[in-house]
């Protein structure tokens, strides 16, 4: 009775660590694992439609 495969949510902002953490939006963009409708601009996670990024909407998209 585990949680199964839970999608990893990206962070809101890249922490610029050299190693790049597993939730880094830049890494997820490169790997193609960002939720649909999201992209990264200036190391910040943004929505393609220009609306504000919230964790609630992000969990629904993922």
Protein backbone atom coordinates (compact mmCIF):
# COMPACT_ATOMS: atom_id res chain seq x y z
CA UNK A 1 0.00 0.00 0.00
CA UNK A 2 2.58 2.56 -1.07
CA UNK A 3 1.98 5.82 -2.80
CA UNK A 4 3.04 4.35 -6.13
CA UNK A 5 4.60 6.60 -8.71
CA UNK A 6 4.18 10.16 -7.53
CA UNK A 7 5.23 12.78 -10.07
CA UNK A 8 8.12 14.96 -8.96
CA UNK A 9 7.08 18.59 -8.93
CA UNK A 10 9.62 21.13 -10.13
CA UNK A 11 10.82 23.88 -7.83
CA UNK A 12 9.58 27.40 -8.53
CA UNK A 13 13.11 28.75 -8.99
CA UNK A 14 16.42 27.13 -9.87
CA UNK A 15 18.76 27.08 -6.88
CA UNK A 16 21.80 27.23 -9.23
CA UNK A 17 23.60 24.37 -7.50
CA UNK A 18 26.44 22.91 -9.54
CA UNK A 19 25.06 19.39 -9.19
CA UNK A 20 21.50 20.38 -10.18
CA UNK A 21 18.99 18.77 -7.84
CA UNK A 22 16.41 16.31 -9.11
CA UNK A 23 13.60 18.88 -8.96
CA UNK A 24 15.48 21.64 -10.78
CA UNK A 25 13.18 23.20 -13.42
CA UNK A 26 16.12 23.56 -15.84
CA UNK A 27 17.00 19.88 -15.58
CA UNK A 28 13.36 18.83 -15.90
CA UNK A 29 12.96 21.04 -18.98
CA UNK A 30 16.02 19.43 -20.57
CA UNK A 31 14.81 15.92 -19.74
CA UNK A 32 11.28 16.70 -20.90
CA UNK A 33 9.68 15.89 -17.54
CA UNK A 34 8.14 19.31 -16.87
CA UNK A 35 4.33 19.21 -16.68
CA UNK A 36 2.61 20.29 -19.91
CA UNK A 37 1.98 24.03 -20.16
CA UNK A 38 5.07 25.03 -18.18
CA UNK A 39 8.51 26.31 -19.21
CA UNK A 40 11.52 28.05 -17.64
CA UNK A 41 12.53 31.66 -18.19
CA UNK A 42 15.45 33.27 -16.36
CA UNK A 43 15.71 30.27 -14.02
CA UNK A 44 12.07 30.69 -12.90
CA UNK A 45 9.23 28.30 -13.63
CA UNK A 46 6.53 30.04 -15.70
CA UNK A 47 3.30 29.04 -17.41
CA UNK A 48 3.02 29.25 -21.18
CA UNK A 49 -0.28 31.15 -20.98
CA UNK A 50 1.26 33.85 -18.76
CA UNK A 51 -0.80 33.14 -15.64
CA UNK A 52 0.73 32.94 -12.18
CA UNK A 53 2.36 29.65 -11.15
CA UNK A 54 0.89 28.20 -7.96
CA UNK A 55 1.65 24.91 -6.27
CA UNK A 56 -2.01 23.95 -6.36
CA UNK A 57 -2.22 24.32 -10.15
CA UNK A 58 1.16 22.65 -10.53
CA UNK A 59 0.02 19.53 -8.67
CA UNK A 60 -3.05 19.31 -10.88
CA UNK A 61 -0.92 19.58 -14.03
CA UNK A 62 1.49 16.90 -12.86
